[in-house]
C-alpha atoms as a PDB file:
ATOM      1  CA  MET A   1     112.021  96.812  83.666  1.00  0.00           C
ATOM      2  CA  PRO A   2     110.306  93.390  83.821  1.00  0.00           C
ATOM      3  CA  THR A   3     106.558  93.163  83.495  1.00  0.00           C
ATOM      4  CA  LEU A   4     104.546  90.288  84.934  1.00  0.00           C
ATOM      5  CA  PRO A   5     104.278  88.493  81.550  1.00  0.00           C
ATOM      6  CA  GLN A   6     108.050  88.910  81.068  1.00  0.00           C
ATOM      7  CA  ILE A   7     108.745  87.341  84.461  1.00  0.00           C
ATOM      8  CA  ILE A   8     106.557  84.341  83.588  1.00  0.00           C
ATOM      9  CA  ALA A   9     108.251  83.977  80.191  1.00  0.00           C
ATOM     10  CA  ALA A  10     111.720  84.186  81.776  1.00  0.00           C
ATOM     11  CA  ASN A  11     110.866  81.388  84.217  1.00  0.00           C
ATOM     12  CA  PRO A  12     109.538  78.531  82.057  1.00  0.00           C
ATOM     13  CA  THR A  13     108.304  75.317  83.609  1.00  0.00           C
ATOM     14  CA  THR A  14     110.983  72.790  84.580  1.00  0.00           C
ATOM     15  CA  THR A  15     111.126  69.286  86.007  1.00  0.00           C
ATOM     16  CA  ASP A  16     112.605  70.637  89.261  1.00  0.00           C
ATOM     17  CA  GLU A  17     109.757  71.302  91.699  1.00  0.00           C
ATOM     18  CA  PHE A  18     111.581  73.965  93.714  1.00  0.00           C
ATOM     19  CA  ALA A  19     112.769  75.869  90.651  1.00  0.00           C
ATOM     20  CA  ASP A  20     109.436  75.488  88.891  1.00  0.00           C
ATOM     21  CA  ILE A  21     107.320  76.930  91.696  1.00  0.00           C
ATOM     22  CA  VAL A  22     109.572  78.970  93.971  1.00  0.00           C
ATOM     23  CA  GLY A  23     111.751  80.160  91.106  1.00  0.00           C
ATOM     24  CA  LEU A  24     108.744  81.851  89.546  1.00  0.00           C
ATOM     25  CA  LEU A  25     107.244  83.121  92.789  1.00  0.00           C
ATOM     26  CA  ARG A  26     110.492  84.658  94.046  1.00  0.00           C
ATOM     27  CA  GLN A  27     110.999  86.576  90.815  1.00  0.00           C
ATOM     28  CA  ILE A  28     107.831  88.550  91.525  1.00  0.00           C
ATOM     29  CA  GLY A  29     110.048  90.602  93.840  1.00  0.00           C
ATOM     30  CA  THR A  30     111.773  92.034  90.751  1.00  0.00           C
ATOM     31  CA  LEU A  31     108.524  93.316  89.238  1.00  0.00           C
ATOM     32  CA  THR A  32     108.956  96.970  88.215  1.00  0.00           C
ATOM     33  CA  VAL A  33     105.776  97.647  86.226  1.00  0.00           C
ATOM     34  CA  THR A  34     102.382  97.714  87.908  1.00  0.00           C
ATOM     35  CA  PRO A  35     100.487  94.792  86.357  1.00  0.00           C
ATOM     36  CA  THR A  36      97.065  94.963  84.770  1.00  0.00           C
ATOM     37  CA  VAL A  37      94.122  92.981  86.114  1.00  0.00           C
ATOM     38  CA  SER A  38      94.316  90.533  83.192  1.00  0.00           C
ATOM     39  CA  GLU A  39      98.054  90.028  83.774  1.00  0.00           C
ATOM     40  CA  VAL A  40      97.407  89.163  87.427  1.00  0.00           C
ATOM     41  CA  GLU A  41      94.710  86.699  86.370  1.00  0.00           C
ATOM     42  CA  ALA A  42      97.146  85.025  83.942  1.00  0.00           C
ATOM     43  CA  PHE A  43      99.825  84.871  86.644  1.00  0.00           C
ATOM     44  CA  PHE A  44      97.393  83.329  89.124  1.00  0.00           C
ATOM     45  CA  THR A  45      96.420  80.646  86.601  1.00  0.00           C
ATOM     46  CA  GLU A  46     100.082  79.820  85.918  1.00  0.00           C
ATOM     47  CA  ALA A  47     101.182  79.843  89.569  1.00  0.00           C
ATOM     48  CA  GLN A  48      98.287  77.655  90.713  1.00  0.00           C
ATOM     49  CA  ALA A  49      98.880  75.170  87.882  1.00  0.00           C
ATOM     50  CA  ARG A  50     102.545  74.845  88.802  1.00  0.00           C
ATOM     51  CA  ALA A  51     101.742  74.347  92.488  1.00  0.00           C
ATOM     52  CA  ILE A  52      99.270  71.503  91.917  1.00  0.00           C
ATOM     53  CA  ARG A  53     101.371  69.870  89.190  1.00  0.00           C
ATOM     54  CA  TYR A  54     103.605  68.290  91.844  1.00  0.00           C
ATOM     55  CA  SER A  55     100.997  67.883  94.553  1.00  0.00           C
ATOM     56  CA  PRO A  56      97.247  68.041  93.926  1.00  0.00           C
ATOM     57  CA  ALA A  57      96.829  68.947  97.614  1.00  0.00           C
ATOM     58  CA  ALA A  58      99.198  71.928  97.365  1.00  0.00           C
ATOM     59  CA  ILE A  59      96.223  74.280  97.203  1.00  0.00           C
ATOM     60  CA  SER A  60      94.289  73.285 100.320  1.00  0.00           C
ATOM     61  CA  ALA A  61      90.688  74.293 100.907  1.00  0.00           C
ATOM     62  CA  ALA A  62      91.897  77.130 103.143  1.00  0.00           C
ATOM     63  CA  LYS A  63      94.328  78.357 100.488  1.00  0.00           C
ATOM     64  CA  ALA A  64      91.654  78.108  97.796  1.00  0.00           C
ATOM     65  CA  ALA A  65      89.327  80.223  99.940  1.00  0.00           C
ATOM     66  CA  ALA A  66      92.099  82.780 100.449  1.00  0.00           C
ATOM     67  CA  LEU A  67      92.825  82.933  96.715  1.00  0.00           C
ATOM     68  CA  ASP A  68      89.120  83.443  96.031  1.00  0.00           C
ATOM     69  CA  GLU A  69      89.185  86.486  98.318  1.00  0.00           C
ATOM     70  CA  ILE A  70      92.128  87.854  96.333  1.00  0.00           C
ATOM     71  CA  VAL A  71      91.129  87.222  92.693  1.00  0.00           C
ATOM     72  CA  GLY A  72      87.463  86.269  93.047  1.00  0.00           C
ATOM     73  CA  PRO A  73      85.913  82.881  92.219  1.00  0.00           C
ATOM     74  CA  GLY A  74      86.252  82.511  88.467  1.00  0.00           C
ATOM     75  CA  PHE A  75      87.807  85.989  88.405  1.00  0.00           C
ATOM     76  CA  VAL A  76      84.529  87.560  89.497  1.00  0.00           C
ATOM     77  CA  GLY A  77      84.759  89.945  92.449  1.00  0.00           C
ATOM     78  CA  GLY A  78      87.533  89.662  94.985  1.00  0.00           C
ATOM     79  CA  PHE A  79      90.097  92.248  96.052  1.00  0.00           C
ATOM     80  CA  LEU A  80      91.677  92.330  92.589  1.00  0.00           C
ATOM     81  CA  HIS A  81      88.504  93.479  90.829  1.00  0.00           C
ATOM     82  CA  ARG A  82      87.331  96.171  93.232  1.00  0.00           C
ATOM     83  CA  ASN A  83      88.042  99.794  92.380  1.00  0.00           C
ATOM     84  CA  ALA A  84      87.831 101.816  95.599  1.00  0.00           C
ATOM     85  CA  PRO A  85      90.940 103.853  96.577  1.00  0.00           C
ATOM     86  CA  LEU A  86      93.330 102.133  98.964  1.00  0.00           C
ATOM     87  CA  LYS A  87      94.264 103.503 102.384  1.00  0.00           C
ATOM     88  CA  PHE A  88      97.931 103.066 101.402  1.00  0.00           C
ATOM     89  CA  VAL A  89      97.726 105.768  98.770  1.00  0.00           C
ATOM     90  CA  ASN A  90     100.999 105.026  96.945  1.00  0.00           C
ATOM     91  CA  PHE A  91     100.421 101.290  96.589  1.00  0.00           C
ATOM     92  CA  ALA A  92      98.661  99.489  93.725  1.00  0.00           C
ATOM     93  CA  ARG A  93      95.797  97.007  94.091  1.00  0.00           C
ATOM     94  CA  THR A  94      97.104  94.744  91.318  1.00  0.00           C
ATOM     95  CA  THR A  95     100.620  94.649  92.803  1.00  0.00           C
ATOM     96  CA  ILE A  96      99.272  93.774  96.247  1.00  0.00           C
ATOM     97  CA  ALA A  97      97.056  91.065  94.752  1.00  0.00           C
ATOM     98  CA  THR A  98     100.027  89.541  92.907  1.00  0.00           C
ATOM     99  CA  GLN A  99     102.104  89.471  96.079  1.00  0.00           C
ATOM    100  CA  LEU A 100      99.242  87.988  98.104  1.00  0.00           C
ATOM    101  CA  ILE A 101      98.894  85.147  95.576  1.00  0.00           C
ATOM    102  CA  VAL A 102     102.600  84.386  96.047  1.00  0.00           C
ATOM    103  CA  ARG A 103     102.372  84.414  99.834  1.00  0.00           C
ATOM    104  CA  VAL A 104      99.258  82.265 100.059  1.00  0.00           C
ATOM    105  CA  ILE A 105     100.856  79.623  97.829  1.00  0.00           C
ATOM    106  CA  ARG A 106     104.265  79.898  99.527  1.00  0.00           C
ATOM    107  CA  PRO A 107     104.073  81.662 102.948  1.00  0.00           C
ATOM    108  CA  THR A 108     107.845  81.527 103.475  1.00  0.00           C
ATOM    109  CA  LEU A 109     108.206  84.196 100.770  1.00  0.00           C
ATOM    110  CA  LEU A 110     106.543  86.727 103.069  1.00  0.00           C
ATOM    111  CA  GLY A 111     109.443  88.889 104.242  1.00  0.00           C
ATOM    112  CA  GLN A 112     110.480  91.967 106.172  1.00  0.00           C
ATOM    113  CA  GLY A 113     112.883  93.158 103.484  1.00  0.00           C
ATOM    114  CA  ASP A 114     115.030  96.052 104.663  1.00  0.00           C
ATOM    115  CA  HIS A 115     112.770  96.984 107.604  1.00  0.00           C
ATOM    116  CA  PRO A 116     113.394  96.105 111.292  1.00  0.00           C
ATOM    117  CA  LEU A 117     110.111  94.227 111.589  1.00  0.00           C
ATOM    118  CA  CYS A 118     111.228  90.725 112.566  1.00  0.00           C
ATOM    119  CA  GLY A 119     108.721  90.552 115.440  1.00  0.00           C
ATOM    120  CA  PRO A 120     105.659  91.231 113.276  1.00  0.00           C
ATOM    121  CA  HIS A 121     107.230  89.130 110.510  1.00  0.00           C
ATOM    122  CA  VAL A 122     107.357  85.885 112.476  1.00  0.00           C
ATOM    123  CA  VAL A 123     103.801  86.330 113.785  1.00  0.00           C
ATOM    124  CA  VAL A 124     102.203  87.227 110.440  1.00  0.00           C
ATOM    125  CA  GLN A 125     104.159  84.599 108.494  1.00  0.00           C
ATOM    126  CA  ASP A 126     103.070  81.934 110.962  1.00  0.00           C
ATOM    127  CA  MET A 127      99.463  83.086 110.533  1.00  0.00           C
ATOM    128  CA  ALA A 128      99.831  82.957 106.737  1.00  0.00           C
ATOM    129  CA  GLU A 129     100.996  79.349 107.006  1.00  0.00           C
ATOM    130  CA  ARG A 130      98.469  78.255 109.626  1.00  0.00           C
ATOM    131  CA  ALA A 131      95.437  80.275 108.463  1.00  0.00           C
ATOM    132  CA  PRO A 132      95.857  81.520 104.869  1.00  0.00           C
ATOM    133  CA  LEU A 133      92.294  82.820 104.585  1.00  0.00           C
ATOM    134  CA  ALA A 134      92.664  84.889 107.765  1.00  0.00           C
ATOM    135  CA  TYR A 135      95.996  86.211 106.488  1.00  0.00           C
ATOM    136  CA  ALA A 136      94.550  87.292 103.134  1.00  0.00           C
ATOM    137  CA  LEU A 137      91.579  88.991 104.809  1.00  0.00           C
ATOM    138  CA  TYR A 138      93.940  90.731 107.263  1.00  0.00           C
ATOM    139  CA  VAL A 139      96.012  92.342 104.505  1.00  0.00           C
ATOM    140  CA  ILE A 140      92.973  93.136 102.352  1.00  0.00           C
ATOM    141  CA  GLY A 141      91.167  94.723 105.295  1.00  0.00           C
ATOM    142  CA  LEU A 142      94.136  96.940 106.103  1.00  0.00           C
ATOM    143  CA  ALA A 143      94.650  97.914 102.459  1.00  0.00           C
ATOM    144  CA  GLU A 144      91.010  98.821 101.879  1.00  0.00           C
ATOM    145  CA  ASP A 145      89.703  99.912 105.276  1.00  0.00           C
ATOM    146  CA  GLY A 146      92.728 100.520 107.509  1.00  0.00           C
ATOM    147  CA  ALA A 147      91.749  97.636 109.809  1.00  0.00           C
ATOM    148  CA  GLY A 148      92.358  93.886 109.790  1.00  0.00           C
ATOM    149  CA  ASP A 149      92.324  90.925 112.180  1.00  0.00           C
ATOM    150  CA  ILE A 150      95.186  88.636 113.152  1.00  0.00           C
ATOM    151  CA  THR A 151      93.910  85.196 114.102  1.00  0.00           C
ATOM    152  CA  VAL A 152      94.711  81.519 113.554  1.00  0.00           C
ATOM    153  CA  ASN A 153      91.459  80.056 114.878  1.00  0.00           C
ATOM    154  CA  ALA A 154      88.052  80.963 116.270  1.00  0.00           C
ATOM    155  CA  ARG A 155      89.414  81.208 119.804  1.00  0.00           C
ATOM    156  CA  SER A 156      90.568  84.814 119.667  1.00  0.00           C
ATOM    157  CA  THR A 157      91.071  87.724 117.291  1.00  0.00           C
ATOM    158  CA  LYS A 158      93.168  90.883 117.503  1.00  0.00           C
ATOM    159  CA  THR A 159      91.987  93.815 115.368  1.00  0.00           C
ATOM    160  CA  VAL A 160      94.858  95.912 114.023  1.00  0.00           C
ATOM    161  CA  GLN A 161      93.938  99.469 113.104  1.00  0.00           C
ATOM    162  CA  VAL A 162      95.827 102.214 111.285  1.00  0.00           C
ATOM    163  CA  ASP A 163      94.903 105.791 112.094  1.00  0.00           C
ATOM    164  CA  LYS A 164      93.945 107.830 109.029  1.00  0.00           C
ATOM    165  CA  HIS A 165      96.762 110.286 109.797  1.00  0.00           C
ATOM    166  CA  SER A 166      99.476 107.629 110.203  1.00  0.00           C
ATOM    167  CA  ASN A 167     102.702 108.130 108.260  1.00  0.00           C
ATOM    168  CA  ILE A 168     102.735 104.489 107.176  1.00  0.00           C
ATOM    169  CA  LEU A 169      99.844 105.183 104.796  1.00  0.00           C
ATOM    170  CA  ASP A 170     102.150 107.445 102.756  1.00  0.00           C
ATOM    171  CA  LYS A 171     104.854 104.817 102.201  1.00  0.00           C
ATOM    172  CA  HIS A 172     106.274 104.721  98.668  1.00  0.00           C
ATOM    173  CA  ASP A 173     107.240 101.469  96.991  1.00  0.00           C
ATOM    174  CA  HIS A 174     110.775 100.776  95.721  1.00  0.00           C
ATOM    175  CA  VAL A 175     109.801  98.649  92.754  1.00  0.00           C
ATOM    176  CA  GLY A 176     112.199  96.098  91.358  1.00  0.00           C
ATOM    177  CA  ASN A 177     114.591  96.111  94.324  1.00  0.00           C
ATOM    178  CA  ALA A 178     114.442  92.563  95.671  1.00  0.00           C
ATOM    179  CA  SER A 179     115.927  93.580  99.045  1.00  0.00           C
ATOM    180  CA  ARG A 180     113.200  96.142  99.768  1.00  0.00           C
ATOM    181  CA  ILE A 181     110.008  95.278 101.589  1.00  0.00           C
ATOM    182  CA  LYS A 182     107.065  94.511  99.320  1.00  0.00           C
ATOM    183  CA  GLN A 183     103.726  96.302  99.412  1.00  0.00           C
ATOM    184  CA  ALA A 184     101.668  93.431 100.831  1.00  0.00           C
ATOM    185  CA  ASP A 185     104.313  92.739 103.484  1.00  0.00           C
ATOM    186  CA  TYR A 186     104.667  96.378 104.500  1.00  0.00           C
ATOM    187  CA  ILE A 187     100.902  96.634 104.973  1.00  0.00           C
ATOM    188  CA  ALA A 188     100.844  93.499 107.141  1.00  0.00           C
ATOM    189  CA  LEU A 189     103.969  94.096 109.213  1.00  0.00           C
ATOM    190  CA  ALA A 190     104.211  97.866 109.643  1.00  0.00           C
ATOM    191  CA  SER A 191     100.518  98.040 110.552  1.00  0.00           C
ATOM    192  CA  LEU A 192     100.934  95.443 113.309  1.00  0.00           C
ATOM    193  CA  ARG A 193     104.034  97.152 114.695  1.00  0.00           C
ATOM    194  CA  ASN A 194     102.449 100.595 114.487  1.00  0.00           C
ATOM    195  CA  ASP A 195      99.257  99.437 116.203  1.00  0.00           C
ATOM    196  CA  ALA A 196     101.130  98.084 119.231  1.00  0.00           C
ATOM    197  CA  SER A 197     103.734 100.812 119.670  1.00  0.00           C
ATOM    198  CA  TRP A 198     103.671 104.042 121.639  1.00  0.00           C
ATOM    199  CA  LEU A 199     106.276 105.249 119.131  1.00  0.00           C
ATOM    200  CA  PRO A 200     104.600 105.360 115.692  1.00  0.00           C
ATOM    201  CA  TYR A 201     106.308 103.533 112.850  1.00  0.00           C
ATOM    202  CA  ARG A 202     107.868 105.966 110.334  1.00  0.00           C
ATOM    203  CA  CYS A 203     107.940 108.660 113.018  1.00  0.00           C
ATOM    204  CA  ALA A 204     110.191 111.528 111.886  1.00  0.00           C
ATOM    205  CA  LEU A 205     111.508 112.120 115.407  1.00  0.00           C
ATOM    206  CA  THR A 206     113.408 108.869 116.026  1.00  0.00           C
ATOM    207  CA  ASN A 207     115.405 106.058 114.469  1.00  0.00           C
ATOM    208  CA  ARG A 208     113.484 103.428 112.467  1.00  0.00           C
ATOM    209  CA  THR A 209     115.302 100.592 114.244  1.00  0.00           C
ATOM    210  CA  LEU A 210     113.937 101.800 117.583  1.00  0.00           C
ATOM    211  CA  GLN A 211     110.439 102.105 116.126  1.00  0.00           C
ATOM    212  CA  GLY A 212     110.536  98.541 114.827  1.00  0.00           C
ATOM    213  CA  ALA A 213     112.075  96.882 117.898  1.00  0.00           C
ATOM    214  CA  THR A 214     109.841  94.189 119.415  1.00  0.00           C
ATOM    215  CA  GLY A 215     110.389  92.639 122.834  1.00  0.00           C
ATOM    216  CA  SER A 216     109.494  89.113 123.878  1.00  0.00           C
ATOM    217  CA  GLY A 217     106.465  90.268 125.848  1.00  0.00           C
ATOM    218  CA  GLN A 218     104.934  91.831 122.743  1.00  0.00           C
ATOM    219  CA  VAL A 219     105.521  88.746 120.562  1.00  0.00           C
ATOM    220  CA  ALA A 220     103.914  86.549 123.234  1.00  0.00           C
ATOM    221  CA  GLU A 221     100.985  88.959 123.533  1.00  0.00           C
ATOM    222  CA  TRP A 222     100.365  88.947 119.778  1.00  0.00           C
ATOM    223  CA  LEU A 223     100.284  85.140 119.789  1.00  0.00           C
ATOM    224  CA  LYS A 224      97.756  85.105 122.625  1.00  0.00           C
ATOM    225  CA  GLN A 225      95.611  87.736 120.925  1.00  0.00           C
ATOM    226  CA  ALA A 226      95.642  85.738 117.688  1.00  0.00           C
ATOM    227  CA  GLY A 227      94.295  82.634 119.410  1.00  0.00           C
ATOM    228  CA  TYR A 228      97.406  80.607 120.247  1.00  0.00           C
ATOM    229  CA  GLN A 229      97.085  78.779 123.557  1.00  0.00           C
ATOM    230  CA  ASP A 230      99.669  77.681 126.109  1.00  0.00           C
ATOM    231  CA  VAL A 231     101.948  80.543 125.012  1.00  0.00           C
ATOM    232  CA  ARG A 232     105.308  80.336 126.794  1.00  0.00           C
ATOM    233  CA  ASP A 233     108.100  82.891 126.887  1.00  0.00           C
ATOM    234  CA  LYS A 234     111.370  81.000 127.404  1.00  0.00           C
ATOM    235  CA  THR A 235     113.789  83.746 126.378  1.00  0.00           C
ATOM    236  CA  PHE A 236     116.864  84.564 128.462  1.00  0.00           C
ATOM    237  CA  GLN A 237     118.437  87.864 127.508  1.00  0.00           C
ATOM    238  CA  THR A 238     120.982  88.215 130.329  1.00  0.00           C
ATOM    239  CA  LEU A 239     122.358  84.682 130.125  1.00  0.00           C
ATOM    240  CA  SER A 240     123.147  84.940 126.422  1.00  0.00           C
ATOM    241  CA  ARG A 241     124.933  88.246 126.795  1.00  0.00           C
ATOM    242  CA  MET A 242     127.037  86.879 129.649  1.00  0.00           C
ATOM    243  CA  ALA A 243     127.945  83.922 127.435  1.00  0.00           C
ATOM    244  CA  MET A 244     128.917  86.268 124.622  1.00  0.00           C
ATOM    245  CA  ILE A 245     131.574  88.047 126.697  1.00  0.00           C
ATOM    246  CA  THR A 246     132.886  84.982 128.565  1.00  0.00           C
ATOM    247  CA  LYS A 247     136.411  83.934 127.533  1.00  0.00           C
ATOM    248  CA  PRO A 248     138.087  81.546 126.836  1.00  0.00           C
ATOM    249  CA  ALA A 249     135.720  79.330 124.858  1.00  0.00           C
ATOM    250  CA  VAL A 250     136.296  76.329 127.125  1.00  0.00           C
ATOM    251  CA  VAL A 251     135.009  78.307 130.110  1.00  0.00           C
ATOM    252  CA  ARG A 252     132.019  79.578 128.163  1.00  0.00           C
ATOM    253  CA  ASP A 253     131.194  76.053 127.083  1.00  0.00           C
ATOM    254  CA  ALA A 254     131.429  74.726 130.641  1.00  0.00           C
ATOM    255  CA  LEU A 255     129.137  77.442 131.984  1.00  0.00           C
ATOM    256  CA  TYR A 256     126.535  77.844 129.278  1.00  0.00           C
ATOM    257  CA  ARG A 257     126.223  74.752 127.086  1.00  0.00           C
ATOM    258  CA  GLY A 258     123.924  73.020 129.579  1.00  0.00           C
ATOM    259  CA  PRO A 259     121.263  75.760 129.724  1.00  0.00           C
ATOM    260  CA  MET A 260     121.431  76.298 125.940  1.00  0.00           C
ATOM    261  CA  GLN A 261     121.117  72.573 125.265  1.00  0.00           C
ATOM    262  CA  ASP A 262     118.141  72.259 127.628  1.00  0.00           C
ATOM    263  CA  SER A 263     116.401  75.224 126.007  1.00  0.00           C
ATOM    264  CA  LEU A 264     116.860  73.973 122.446  1.00  0.00           C
ATOM    265  CA  THR A 265     115.757  70.464 123.428  1.00  0.00           C
ATOM    266  CA  ALA A 266     112.566  71.962 124.858  1.00  0.00           C
ATOM    267  CA  ALA A 267     112.042  74.032 121.680  1.00  0.00           C
ATOM    268  CA  ARG A 268     112.496  70.905 119.561  1.00  0.00           C
ATOM    269  CA  ASN A 269     109.957  69.038 121.686  1.00  0.00           C
ATOM    270  CA  PHE A 270     107.358  71.795 121.313  1.00  0.00           C
ATOM    271  CA  LEU A 271     107.885  71.723 117.542  1.00  0.00           C
ATOM    272  CA  SER A 272     107.197  67.992 117.528  1.00  0.00           C
ATOM    273  CA  LEU A 273     103.895  68.660 119.335  1.00  0.00           C
ATOM    274  CA  GLY A 274     102.740  71.013 116.583  1.00  0.00           C
ATOM    275  CA  TYR A 275     103.480  74.252 118.421  1.00  0.00           C
ATOM    276  CA  SER A 276     104.738  77.324 116.622  1.00  0.00           C
ATOM    277  CA  VAL A 277     108.251  78.022 117.893  1.00  0.00           C
ATOM    278  CA  ILE A 278     109.859  81.437 117.504  1.00  0.00           C
ATOM    279  CA  LEU A 279     113.562  81.640 118.283  1.00  0.00           C
ATOM    280  CA  CYS A 280     115.313  84.682 119.669  1.00  0.00           C
ATOM    281  CA  GLY A 281     118.944  85.334 118.862  1.00  0.00           C
ATOM    282  CA  THR A 282     121.383  87.658 117.211  1.00  0.00           C
ATOM    283  CA  GLY A 283     121.350  88.518 113.543  1.00  0.00           C
ATOM    284  CA  ASN A 284     124.513  86.418 113.318  1.00  0.00           C
ATOM    285  CA  LEU A 285     122.544  83.285 114.167  1.00  0.00           C
ATOM    286  CA  ALA A 286     120.093  83.925 111.327  1.00  0.00           C
ATOM    287  CA  ASN A 287     122.832  84.832 108.854  1.00  0.00           C
ATOM    288  CA  PHE A 288     124.965  81.794 109.713  1.00  0.00           C
ATOM    289  CA  THR A 289     121.965  79.487 109.355  1.00  0.00           C
ATOM    290  CA  LEU A 290     121.312  80.908 105.879  1.00  0.00           C
ATOM    291  CA  GLY A 291     124.967  80.643 104.865  1.00  0.00           C
ATOM    292  CA  LEU A 292     125.463  84.414 104.768  1.00  0.00           C
ATOM    293  CA  ASP A 293     128.872  85.847 105.650  1.00  0.00           C
ATOM    294  CA  THR A 294     127.482  88.884 107.463  1.00  0.00           C
ATOM    295  CA  ASP A 295     128.147  89.934 111.058  1.00  0.00           C
ATOM    296  CA  ASP A 296     126.204  92.223 113.374  1.00  0.00           C
ATOM    297  CA  SER A 297     127.978  95.231 114.812  1.00  0.00           C
ATOM    298  CA  ALA A 298     129.198  94.981 118.407  1.00  0.00           C
ATOM    299  CA  VAL A 299     126.346  97.272 119.486  1.00  0.00           C
ATOM    300  CA  MET A 300     123.694  95.112 117.797  1.00  0.00           C
ATOM    301  CA  LEU A 301     125.237  91.919 119.181  1.00  0.00           C
ATOM    302  CA  MET A 302     124.985  93.242 122.724  1.00  0.00           C
ATOM    303  CA  PHE A 303     121.793  95.295 122.628  1.00  0.00           C
ATOM    304  CA  GLY A 304     119.904  94.114 119.538  1.00  0.00           C
ATOM    305  CA  GLY A 305     118.168  90.880 118.714  1.00  0.00           C
ATOM    306  CA  HIS A 306     116.323  89.029 115.993  1.00  0.00           C
ATOM    307  CA  TRP A 307     113.216  86.845 115.824  1.00  0.00           C
ATOM    308  CA  MET A 308     112.993  83.823 113.501  1.00  0.00           C
ATOM    309  CA  ARG A 309     110.558  80.937 113.019  1.00  0.00           C
ATOM    310  CA  ALA A 310     111.983  77.502 113.753  1.00  0.00           C
ATOM    311  CA  LYS A 311     111.089  74.763 111.274  1.00  0.00           C
ATOM    312  CA  GLU A 312     113.481  72.007 112.379  1.00  0.00           C
ATOM    313  CA  ILE A 313     115.826  71.636 115.371  1.00  0.00           C
ATOM    314  CA  ALA A 314     118.176  68.730 115.986  1.00  0.00           C
ATOM    315  CA  VAL A 315     120.287  68.774 119.181  1.00  0.00           C
ATOM    316  CA  LYS A 316     123.625  66.952 118.859  1.00  0.00           C
ATOM    317  CA  THR A 317     126.766  66.495 120.926  1.00  0.00           C
ATOM    318  CA  ASP A 318     128.757  68.981 118.839  1.00  0.00           C
ATOM    319  CA  GLY A 319     126.016  71.564 118.260  1.00  0.00           C
ATOM    320  CA  ILE A 320     122.636  71.823 116.570  1.00  0.00           C
ATOM    321  CA  ASP A 321     121.119  71.443 113.117  1.00  0.00           C
ATOM    322  CA  LEU A 322     118.728  74.315 112.507  1.00  0.00           C
ATOM    323  CA  LYS A 323     116.237  75.218 109.791  1.00  0.00           C
ATOM    324  CA  ILE A 324     114.529  78.599 110.118  1.00  0.00           C
ATOM    325  CA  CYS A 325     112.367  81.149 108.313  1.00  0.00           C
ATOM    326  CA  THR A 326     113.850  84.636 108.543  1.00  0.00           C
ATOM    327  CA  TRP A 327     114.502  87.863 106.655  1.00  0.00           C
ATOM    328  CA  THR A 328     113.051  87.534 103.141  1.00  0.00           C
ATOM    329  CA  LEU A 329     114.341  84.175 101.945  1.00  0.00           C
ATOM    330  CA  GLY A 330     111.964  81.447 100.815  1.00  0.00           C
ATOM    331  CA  ASN A 331     114.462  78.597 100.540  1.00  0.00           C
ATOM    332  CA  LEU A 332     114.923  76.789 103.848  1.00  0.00           C
ATOM    333  CA  VAL A 333     118.213  75.002 104.440  1.00  0.00           C
ATOM    334  CA  LYS A 334     119.155  72.978 107.500  1.00  0.00           C
ATOM    335  CA  THR A 335     122.517  74.171 108.824  1.00  0.00           C
ATOM    336  CA  ALA A 336     124.920  72.683 111.379  1.00  0.00           C
ATOM    337  CA  ILE A 337     125.926  75.219 114.049  1.00  0.00           C
ATOM    338  CA  PRO A 338     128.640  74.421 116.645  1.00  0.00           C
ATOM    339  CA  TRP A 339     127.987  75.020 120.330  1.00  0.00           C
ATOM    340  CA  SER A 340     130.667  77.726 120.428  1.00  0.00           C
ATOM    341  CA  LYS A 341     128.455  79.894 118.228  1.00  0.00           C
ATOM    342  CA  VAL A 342     125.114  78.804 119.687  1.00  0.00           C
ATOM    343  CA  GLU A 343     126.272  79.829 123.170  1.00  0.00           C
ATOM    344  CA  SER A 344     127.025  83.367 121.966  1.00  0.00           C
ATOM    345  CA  TRP A 345     124.102  83.885 119.612  1.00  0.00           C
ATOM    346  CA  TYR A 346     121.058  82.023 120.951  1.00  0.00           C
ATOM    347  CA  ARG A 347     118.629  83.723 123.375  1.00  0.00           C
ATOM    348  CA  GLY A 348     115.777  81.292 123.925  1.00  0.00           C
ATOM    349  CA  PHE A 349     112.340  80.946 122.370  1.00  0.00           C
ATOM    350  CA  ILE A 350     108.626  81.694 122.534  1.00  0.00           C
ATOM    351  CA  CYS A 351     106.072  79.048 121.616  1.00  0.00           C
ATOM    352  CA  GLY A 352     102.335  78.641 121.355  1.00  0.00           C
ATOM    353  CA  ASP A 353      99.801  76.036 120.255  1.00  0.00           C
ATOM    354  CA  PRO A 354      97.814  77.317 117.238  1.00  0.00           C
ATOM    355  CA  ASN A 355      95.363  74.406 117.259  1.00  0.00           C
END
């Protein structure tokens, strides 16, 4: 039953930057005891010190402003120190504040956990990385008032609202289970999905996977509403499914490598221009990239899909090297993927310019 001070004590400072910062931040997912305000303040002081130890610029002006909204300048005011009841009645202000600190310092630790919210995940995580202050205000607004704005610039803003009767406000936390979605992430992701869906999230009448499903049109629309410009939907659902069932492999390669290679080259080029690039594929593509030996069911391979944020793409003669943000993992690893798998698992991309 680790408390926040116990987690800090169990993760002492090291000379390894990744272990020193991310090792501590990731362990917050195992927190089982709601922290006190003073414990959150001590954690913030420790986490910020570790972040700037390796790079004084690690806490940018935008991140500093976001952290001030969470803990208050000099621990005066801020979300952490207010006392009004939250709209999410089973969540704790101090737990949310702790998780927000983690995500502002390291946005890749924002995750969907065990919920089918990959569409909202990629959009909100990209906002957290591009506009940390807007991200913090979005989650705080939803937690306190049931409304928050997604935006990455002054060009456009989308207000997300949660009806006072919505089932998502009654969500219980599963503390200490690292695979479960965290309070701050549930607020951010489920609210966005619920706001845009004719089928309410956590509706008792249907399957949660159906409630969380997000098509390419919706992802593109969220990006436009949040202020991204030149948003392009370059997904190809039919082509990838035809490739998946084409045998033998030599025939599949002859028919589909060209279009896949052209698409990934275009995605790589948009990344180099500073665009946000969101890949569409099967869960197998995400799992393989992360080194996980997990396969989708035949039904999910054919009818499902998964969204992931591209961080690096290298197109080679024998396949691609890919680094992505997906699921709940904060460590990004570039992985070589052969064309035989890319042709079956890749389904195009959506991109937009956040600048």
